[in-house]
Amino acid sequence: LIPIDSLHEMCQMSHTLSISGLSPQLSELLFDRMDKLEILWSNVLLAMKRDPVFSLSASFDDRVYLFYFKQEDLFLMIELNSSKGVEEIQILTRENPSENKLFTNSCNSIIDVITNWILHWLWNSL
């Protein structure tokens, strides 16, 4: 595990964008407030860390997971709440998103990868 202070420092140097506004479908899946799906997100995130697709990853205090997407040069940060549900999911970038015309395409690419991976994982878990 990496100290949480390192993550806070990285976030201060980055521009962040909540995924909620980018993908309502993924947000609905991730922010299952009523726990209708009964997904153990800590298990999903640990499986993601083990998958070669997400080979560049780190976790902080078993509560915050960071995944790097090399092609897009973006980080995806997923934070769990105290009941192990998804609290927040953000994209972190060095550049100001409003100044990067390819940023939306890069975000959509990450959203596609995450959505497909989670749906595949859920299907295999049935």
Foldseek 3Di string as FASTA:
>chain_A
DDEVVVVVVLQVQWDKDFCCVVDVVVCCVQPVVVCPVVDQVLVVLVVLCVDPCQVPKDDYPSFKIWGADVVLRKIWIWGADPVRGTDTIMIIHNDDVVVDPCNSVSSVVVVVVVVVSVVVVVVVVD
